[in-house]
PDB file of N, CA and C in Angstrom:
ATOM      1  N   UNK A   1       0.680  -1.092  -0.137  1.00  0.00           N
ATOM      2  CA  UNK A   1      -0.124  -0.055   0.062  1.00  0.00           C
ATOM      3  C   UNK A   1       0.757   1.101  -0.118  1.00  0.00           C
ATOM      4  N   UNK A   2       0.438   2.063  -0.771  1.00  0.00           N
ATOM      5  CA  UNK A   2       1.250   3.682  -0.860  1.00  0.00           C
ATOM      6  C   UNK A   2       1.083   4.541   0.346  1.00  0.00           C
ATOM      7  N   UNK A   3       1.974   4.910   0.883  1.00  0.00           N
ATOM      8  CA  UNK A   3       1.636   6.046   1.818  1.00  0.00           C
ATOM      9  C   UNK A   3       1.331   7.254   1.234  1.00  0.00           C
ATOM     10  N   UNK A   4       0.164   8.006   1.788  1.00  0.00           N
ATOM     11  CA  UNK A   4      -0.092   9.007   1.338  1.00  0.00           C
ATOM     12  C   UNK A   4       0.504  10.290   2.248  1.00  0.00           C
ATOM     13  N   UNK A   5       1.614  11.333   1.417  1.00  0.00           N
ATOM     14  CA  UNK A   5       1.850  12.267   2.417  1.00  0.00           C
ATOM     15  C   UNK A   5       1.581  13.513   2.152  1.00  0.00           C
ATOM     16  N   UNK A   6       1.481  14.675   2.656  1.00  0.00           N
ATOM     17  CA  UNK A   6       1.081  15.941   1.959  1.00  0.00           C
ATOM     18  C   UNK A   6       1.819  16.459   1.350  1.00  0.00           C
ATOM     19  N   UNK A   7       3.309  16.265   0.958  1.00  0.00           N
ATOM     20  CA  UNK A   7       3.842  16.832  -0.262  1.00  0.00           C
ATOM     21  C   UNK A   7       3.573  16.083  -1.261  1.00  0.00           C
ATOM     22  N   UNK A   8       3.325  14.346  -1.008  1.00  0.00           N
ATOM     23  CA  UNK A   8       2.860  13.805  -2.279  1.00  0.00           C
ATOM     24  C   UNK A   8       1.726  14.068  -3.188  1.00  0.00           C
ATOM     25  N   UNK A   9       1.070  14.504  -2.297  1.00  0.00           N
ATOM     26  CA  UNK A   9      -0.574  14.821  -2.400  1.00  0.00           C
ATOM     27  C   UNK A   9      -0.473  16.176  -2.981  1.00  0.00           C
ATOM     28  N   UNK A  10       0.499  17.279  -2.670  1.00  0.00           N
ATOM     29  CA  UNK A  10       0.463  18.309  -3.152  1.00  0.00           C
ATOM     30  C   UNK A  10       0.914  18.433  -4.685  1.00  0.00           C
ATOM     31  N   UNK A  11       2.171  17.618  -4.512  1.00  0.00           N
ATOM     32  CA  UNK A  11       2.710  17.288  -5.850  1.00  0.00           C
ATOM     33  C   UNK A  11       2.032  16.693  -7.046  1.00  0.00           C
ATOM     34  N   UNK A  12       1.343  15.646  -6.673  1.00  0.00           N
ATOM     35  CA  UNK A  12       0.099  15.141  -7.812  1.00  0.00           C
ATOM     36  C   UNK A  12      -1.045  16.235  -8.099  1.00  0.00           C
ATOM     37  N   UNK A  13      -1.406  17.087  -7.038  1.00  0.00           N
ATOM     38  CA  UNK A  13      -2.711  18.383  -7.602  1.00  0.00           C
ATOM     39  C   UNK A  13      -1.647  19.231  -8.490  1.00  0.00           C
ATOM     40  N   UNK A  14      -0.580  19.279  -8.236  1.00  0.00           N
ATOM     41  CA  UNK A  14       0.511  20.086  -9.291  1.00  0.00           C
ATOM     42  C   UNK A  14       0.156  19.820 -10.183  1.00  0.00           C
ATOM     43  N   UNK A  15       0.481  18.289 -10.385  1.00  0.00           N
ATOM     44  CA  UNK A  15       0.618  17.884 -11.918  1.00  0.00           C
ATOM     45  C   UNK A  15      -0.236  17.687 -12.547  1.00  0.00           C
ATOM     46  N   UNK A  16      -1.407  17.421 -11.968  1.00  0.00           N
ATOM     47  CA  UNK A  16      -2.588  17.583 -12.783  1.00  0.00           C
ATOM     48  C   UNK A  16      -3.400  18.898 -13.272  1.00  0.00           C
ATOM     49  N   UNK A  17      -3.178  19.762 -12.341  1.00  0.00           N
ATOM     50  CA  UNK A  17      -3.214  21.597 -12.650  1.00  0.00           C
ATOM     51  C   UNK A  17      -2.113  21.871 -14.030  1.00  0.00           C
ATOM     52  N   UNK A  18      -1.163  21.070 -14.093  1.00  0.00           N
ATOM     53  CA  UNK A  18      -0.214  21.800 -14.998  1.00  0.00           C
ATOM     54  C   UNK A  18      -0.616  21.694 -16.511  1.00  0.00           C
ATOM     55  N   UNK A  19      -1.351  20.828 -16.667  1.00  0.00           N
ATOM     56  CA  UNK A  19      -2.150  20.385 -18.318  1.00  0.00           C
ATOM     57  C   UNK A  19      -3.505  19.801 -18.461  1.00  0.00           C
ATOM     58  N   UNK A  20      -3.832  19.833 -19.364  1.00  0.00           N
ATOM     59  CA  UNK A  20      -5.191  19.280 -20.048  1.00  0.00           C
ATOM     60  C   UNK A  20      -5.586  17.938 -19.321  1.00  0.00           C
ATOM     61  N   UNK A  21      -6.746  18.031 -18.786  1.00  0.00           N
ATOM     62  CA  UNK A  21      -7.149  16.701 -18.003  1.00  0.00           C
ATOM     63  C   UNK A  21      -8.104  15.956 -18.506  1.00  0.00           C
ATOM     64  N   UNK A  22      -8.183  14.744 -18.514  1.00  0.00           N
ATOM     65  CA  UNK A  22      -9.411  14.282 -18.870  1.00  0.00           C
ATOM     66  C   UNK A  22     -10.586  14.361 -18.023  1.00  0.00           C
ATOM     67  N   UNK A  23     -11.922  13.764 -18.047  1.00  0.00           N
ATOM     68  CA  UNK A  23     -12.801  13.907 -17.112  1.00  0.00           C
ATOM     69  C   UNK A  23     -12.347  12.991 -15.760  1.00  0.00           C
ATOM     70  N   UNK A  24     -11.819  11.765 -16.054  1.00  0.00           N
ATOM     71  CA  UNK A  24     -11.454  11.043 -14.894  1.00  0.00           C
ATOM     72  C   UNK A  24     -10.211  11.829 -14.021  1.00  0.00           C
ATOM     73  N   UNK A  25      -9.116  12.375 -14.650  1.00  0.00           N
ATOM     74  CA  UNK A  25      -8.566  13.446 -13.861  1.00  0.00           C
ATOM     75  C   UNK A  25      -9.011  14.595 -13.397  1.00  0.00           C
ATOM     76  N   UNK A  26     -10.281  15.322 -13.958  1.00  0.00           N
ATOM     77  CA  UNK A  26     -10.514  16.227 -12.971  1.00  0.00           C
ATOM     78  C   UNK A  26     -11.457  15.740 -11.745  1.00  0.00           C
ATOM     79  N   UNK A  27     -12.138  14.168 -11.737  1.00  0.00           N
ATOM     80  CA  UNK A  27     -12.330  14.162 -10.917  1.00  0.00           C
ATOM     81  C   UNK A  27     -11.443  13.661  -9.837  1.00  0.00           C
ATOM     82  N   UNK A  28     -10.398  13.109  -9.959  1.00  0.00           N
ATOM     83  CA  UNK A  28      -8.917  13.001  -9.303  1.00  0.00           C
ATOM     84  C   UNK A  28      -8.568  14.461  -8.634  1.00  0.00           C
ATOM     85  N   UNK A  29      -8.554  15.073  -9.408  1.00  0.00           N
ATOM     86  CA  UNK A  29      -8.205  16.213  -8.903  1.00  0.00           C
ATOM     87  C   UNK A  29      -8.917  17.255  -7.940  1.00  0.00           C
ATOM     88  N   UNK A  30     -10.144  16.839  -7.903  1.00  0.00           N
ATOM     89  CA  UNK A  30     -11.055  17.263  -6.830  1.00  0.00           C
ATOM     90  C   UNK A  30     -11.038  16.204  -5.706  1.00  0.00           C
ATOM     91  N   UNK A  31     -10.640  15.113  -5.608  1.00  0.00           N
ATOM     92  CA  UNK A  31     -10.926  14.303  -4.850  1.00  0.00           C
ATOM     93  C   UNK A  31      -9.341  14.637  -3.973  1.00  0.00           C
ATOM     94  N   UNK A  32      -8.224  14.827  -4.438  1.00  0.00           N
ATOM     95  CA  UNK A  32      -7.161  14.805  -3.922  1.00  0.00           C
ATOM     96  C   UNK A  32      -7.330  16.495  -3.201  1.00  0.00           C
ATOM     97  N   UNK A  33      -7.592  17.474  -3.875  1.00  0.00           N
ATOM     98  CA  UNK A  33      -8.009  18.711  -3.000  1.00  0.00           C
ATOM     99  C   UNK A  33      -8.961  18.541  -1.629  1.00  0.00           C
ATOM    100  N   UNK A  34     -10.073  17.630  -1.843  1.00  0.00           N
ATOM    101  CA  UNK A  34     -10.630  17.327  -0.764  1.00  0.00           C
ATOM    102  C   UNK A  34      -9.869  16.722   0.421  1.00  0.00           C
ATOM    103  N   UNK A  35      -9.025  15.729  -0.126  1.00  0.00           N
ATOM    104  CA  UNK A  35      -8.346  15.115   0.848  1.00  0.00           C
ATOM    105  C   UNK A  35      -7.561  15.766   1.241  1.00  0.00           C
ATOM    106  N   UNK A  36      -6.765  16.335   0.914  1.00  0.00           N
ATOM    107  CA  UNK A  36      -5.181  17.333   1.354  1.00  0.00           C
ATOM    108  C   UNK A  36      -5.706  17.911   2.800  1.00  0.00           C
ATOM    109  N   UNK A  37      -6.812  18.488   3.401  1.00  0.00           N
ATOM    110  CA  UNK A  37      -6.737  18.948   4.647  1.00  0.00           C
ATOM    111  C   UNK A  37      -6.874  17.950   5.757  1.00  0.00           C
ATOM    112  N   UNK A  38      -7.389  16.814   5.121  1.00  0.00           N
ATOM    113  CA  UNK A  38      -7.379  15.569   5.924  1.00  0.00           C
ATOM    114  C   UNK A  38      -5.674  14.997   6.247  1.00  0.00           C
ATOM    115  N   UNK A  39      -5.407  15.095   5.477  1.00  0.00           N
ATOM    116  CA  UNK A  39      -3.907  14.507   5.350  1.00  0.00           C
ATOM    117  C   UNK A  39      -2.990  15.172   6.464  1.00  0.00           C
ATOM    118  N   UNK A  40      -3.409  16.860   6.149  1.00  0.00           N
ATOM    119  CA  UNK A  40      -2.526  17.539   7.111  1.00  0.00           C
ATOM    120  C   UNK A  40      -2.797  17.776   8.362  1.00  0.00           C
ATOM    121  N   UNK A  41      -4.437  17.277   8.698  1.00  0.00           N
ATOM    122  CA  UNK A  41      -4.559  17.240  10.302  1.00  0.00           C
ATOM    123  C   UNK A  41      -4.113  16.036  10.801  1.00  0.00           C
ATOM    124  N   UNK A  42      -4.221  15.013   9.743  1.00  0.00           N
ATOM    125  CA  UNK A  42      -3.425  13.356  10.301  1.00  0.00           C
ATOM    126  C   UNK A  42      -2.159  13.671  10.956  1.00  0.00           C
ATOM    127  N   UNK A  43      -1.330  14.365  10.031  1.00  0.00           N
ATOM    128  CA  UNK A  43       0.035  14.470  10.248  1.00  0.00           C
ATOM    129  C   UNK A  43       0.038  15.867  11.695  1.00  0.00           C
ATOM    130  N   UNK A  44      -0.917  16.729  11.777  1.00  0.00           N
ATOM    131  CA  UNK A  44      -0.521  17.235  12.899  1.00  0.00           C
ATOM    132  C   UNK A  44      -0.814  16.349  14.166  1.00  0.00           C
ATOM    133  N   UNK A  45      -2.183  15.709  14.353  1.00  0.00           N
ATOM    134  CA  UNK A  45      -2.229  14.938  15.536  1.00  0.00           C
ATOM    135  C   UNK A  45      -1.264  14.000  15.785  1.00  0.00           C
ATOM    136  N   UNK A  46      -0.681  13.348  14.583  1.00  0.00           N
ATOM    137  CA  UNK A  46       0.788  12.205  14.751  1.00  0.00           C
ATOM    138  C   UNK A  46       1.815  12.976  15.788  1.00  0.00           C
ATOM    139  N   UNK A  47       1.741  14.362  15.283  1.00  0.00           N
ATOM    140  CA  UNK A  47       3.190  14.382  15.805  1.00  0.00           C
ATOM    141  C   UNK A  47       2.532  15.146  17.465  1.00  0.00           C
ATOM    142  N   UNK A  48       1.231  15.105  17.706  1.00  0.00           N
ATOM    143  CA  UNK A  48       1.147  16.085  19.521  1.00  0.00           C
ATOM    144  C   UNK A  48       1.387  15.093  20.455  1.00  0.00           C
ATOM    145  N   UNK A  49       2.148  15.913  21.389  1.00  0.00           N
ATOM    146  CA  UNK A  49       2.274  14.955  22.819  1.00  0.00           C
ATOM    147  C   UNK A  49       0.830  15.232  23.403  1.00  0.00           C
ATOM    148  N   UNK A  50       0.335  13.827  23.497  1.00  0.00           N
ATOM    149  CA  UNK A  50      -1.476  14.109  23.945  1.00  0.00           C
ATOM    150  C   UNK A  50      -1.333  14.783  25.631  1.00  0.00           C
ATOM    151  N   UNK A  51      -2.179  15.865  25.683  1.00  0.00           N
ATOM    152  CA  UNK A  51      -2.565  15.917  27.036  1.00  0.00           C
ATOM    153  C   UNK A  51      -4.177  15.510  27.093  1.00  0.00           C
ATOM    154  N   UNK A  52      -4.438  14.331  27.655  1.00  0.00           N
ATOM    155  CA  UNK A  52      -5.780  14.127  27.728  1.00  0.00           C
ATOM    156  C   UNK A  52      -6.752  14.341  29.193  1.00  0.00           C
ATOM    157  N   UNK A  53      -7.900  14.730  28.600  1.00  0.00           N
ATOM    158  CA  UNK A  53      -8.950  15.487  29.519  1.00  0.00           C
ATOM    159  C   UNK A  53     -10.083  14.174  29.410  1.00  0.00           C
ATOM    160  N   UNK A  54     -10.411  14.018  30.619  1.00  0.00           N
ATOM    161  CA  UNK A  54     -11.416  12.920  30.473  1.00  0.00           C
ATOM    162  C   UNK A  54     -12.777  13.969  30.760  1.00  0.00           C
ATOM    163  N   UNK A  55     -13.684  13.887  29.662  1.00  0.00           N
ATOM    164  CA  UNK A  55     -14.889  14.233  29.404  1.00  0.00           C
ATOM    165  C   UNK A  55     -16.263  13.368  30.230  1.00  0.00           C
ATOM    166  N   UNK A  56     -16.739  14.082  31.070  1.00  0.00           N
ATOM    167  CA  UNK A  56     -17.960  13.558  32.160  1.00  0.00           C
ATOM    168  C   UNK A  56     -18.962  12.976  30.865  1.00  0.00           C
ATOM    169  N   UNK A  57     -19.677  12.104  31.191  1.00  0.00           N
ATOM    170  CA  UNK A  57     -20.553  11.584  29.946  1.00  0.00           C
ATOM    171  C   UNK A  57     -21.509  10.568  30.471  1.00  0.00           C
ATOM    172  N   UNK A  58     -22.436  10.459  29.478  1.00  0.00           N
ATOM    173  CA  UNK A  58     -23.261   9.248  29.395  1.00  0.00           C
ATOM    174  C   UNK A  58     -22.650   7.809  30.184  1.00  0.00           C
ATOM    175  N   UNK A  59     -22.790   6.644  29.187  1.00  0.00           N
ATOM    176  CA  UNK A  59     -22.969   5.478  29.596  1.00  0.00           C
ATOM    177  C   UNK A  59     -21.034   5.211  29.784  1.00  0.00           C
ATOM    178  N   UNK A  60     -20.344   5.481  28.631  1.00  0.00           N
ATOM    179  CA  UNK A  60     -19.135   4.790  28.437  1.00  0.00           C
ATOM    180  C   UNK A  60     -18.418   6.180  28.749  1.00  0.00           C
ATOM    181  N   UNK A  61     -17.250   6.337  29.056  1.00  0.00           N
ATOM    182  CA  UNK A  61     -16.505   7.371  29.008  1.00  0.00           C
ATOM    183  C   UNK A  61     -15.187   8.098  27.796  1.00  0.00           C
ATOM    184  N   UNK A  62     -15.305   8.906  27.724  1.00  0.00           N
ATOM    185  CA  UNK A  62     -14.420   9.632  26.520  1.00  0.00           C
ATOM    186  C   UNK A  62     -13.413  10.483  27.266  1.00  0.00           C
ATOM    187  N   UNK A  63     -12.184  10.507  25.927  1.00  0.00           N
ATOM    188  CA  UNK A  63     -11.238  11.195  26.316  1.00  0.00           C
ATOM    189  C   UNK A  63     -10.862  12.229  25.078  1.00  0.00           C
ATOM    190  N   UNK A  64     -10.441  13.632  25.731  1.00  0.00           N
ATOM    191  CA  UNK A  64     -10.357  14.497  24.598  1.00  0.00           C
ATOM    192  C   UNK A  64      -8.508  15.282  24.637  1.00  0.00           C
ATOM    193  N   UNK A  65      -8.224  15.266  23.559  1.00  0.00           N
ATOM    194  CA  UNK A  65      -6.781  15.706  23.854  1.00  0.00           C
ATOM    195  C   UNK A  65      -6.826  17.679  23.471  1.00  0.00           C
ATOM    196  N   UNK A  66      -6.468  18.019  24.606  1.00  0.00           N
ATOM    197  CA  UNK A  66      -6.736  20.048  24.996  1.00  0.00           C
ATOM    198  C   UNK A  66      -5.963  20.285  24.036  1.00  0.00           C
ATOM    199  N   UNK A  67      -4.829  19.446  23.126  1.00  0.00           N
ATOM    200  CA  UNK A  67      -3.760  20.093  22.029  1.00  0.00           C
ATOM    201  C   UNK A  67      -4.434  20.198  20.922  1.00  0.00           C
ATOM    202  N   UNK A  68      -4.863  19.102  20.441  1.00  0.00           N
ATOM    203  CA  UNK A  68      -5.055  18.709  18.860  1.00  0.00           C
ATOM    204  C   UNK A  68      -6.491  17.995  18.637  1.00  0.00           C
ATOM    205  N   UNK A  69      -7.409  18.138  19.802  1.00  0.00           N
ATOM    206  CA  UNK A  69      -8.650  17.577  19.363  1.00  0.00           C
ATOM    207  C   UNK A  69      -9.130  16.372  19.171  1.00  0.00           C
ATOM    208  N   UNK A  70      -8.244  15.222  19.446  1.00  0.00           N
ATOM    209  CA  UNK A  70      -8.401  13.880  19.201  1.00  0.00           C
ATOM    210  C   UNK A  70      -9.247  13.153  20.252  1.00  0.00           C
ATOM    211  N   UNK A  71      -9.929  12.632  19.798  1.00  0.00           N
ATOM    212  CA  UNK A  71     -11.089  11.965  20.588  1.00  0.00           C
ATOM    213  C   UNK A  71     -11.003  10.450  20.950  1.00  0.00           C
ATOM    214  N   UNK A  72     -11.029   9.653  22.285  1.00  0.00           N
ATOM    215  CA  UNK A  72     -11.006   8.484  22.336  1.00  0.00           C
ATOM    216  C   UNK A  72     -12.292   7.904  23.319  1.00  0.00           C
ATOM    217  N   UNK A  73     -12.835   6.864  22.863  1.00  0.00           N
ATOM    218  CA  UNK A  73     -13.983   6.561  23.531  1.00  0.00           C
ATOM    219  C   UNK A  73     -13.583   5.238  24.310  1.00  0.00           C
ATOM    220  N   UNK A  74     -14.483   4.970  25.372  1.00  0.00           N
ATOM    221  CA  UNK A  74     -13.941   3.884  26.365  1.00  0.00           C
ATOM    222  C   UNK A  74     -15.469   3.663  26.898  1.00  0.00           C
ATOM    223  N   UNK A  75     -15.603   2.314  26.487  1.00  0.00           N
ATOM    224  CA  UNK A  75     -16.922   1.678  27.426  1.00  0.00           C
ATOM    225  C   UNK A  75     -17.702   1.431  26.507  1.00  0.00           C
TER     226      UNK A  75
END
């Protein structure tokens, strides 16, 4: 499986924007543009040294990182 990075995605977007595209490539370009913010967010979260806070709640218990917003549900 290929690992998608922010840099590889940006390079693919630039490549598609640089010339004429088929309909299939137009759809791929739109998909890459939509994916880019999610890849950036994933990179940000993976670099976070989490500061977990336990959220009071219903049946299960959940925690949230106060730095990056990642959530984990327990129970």
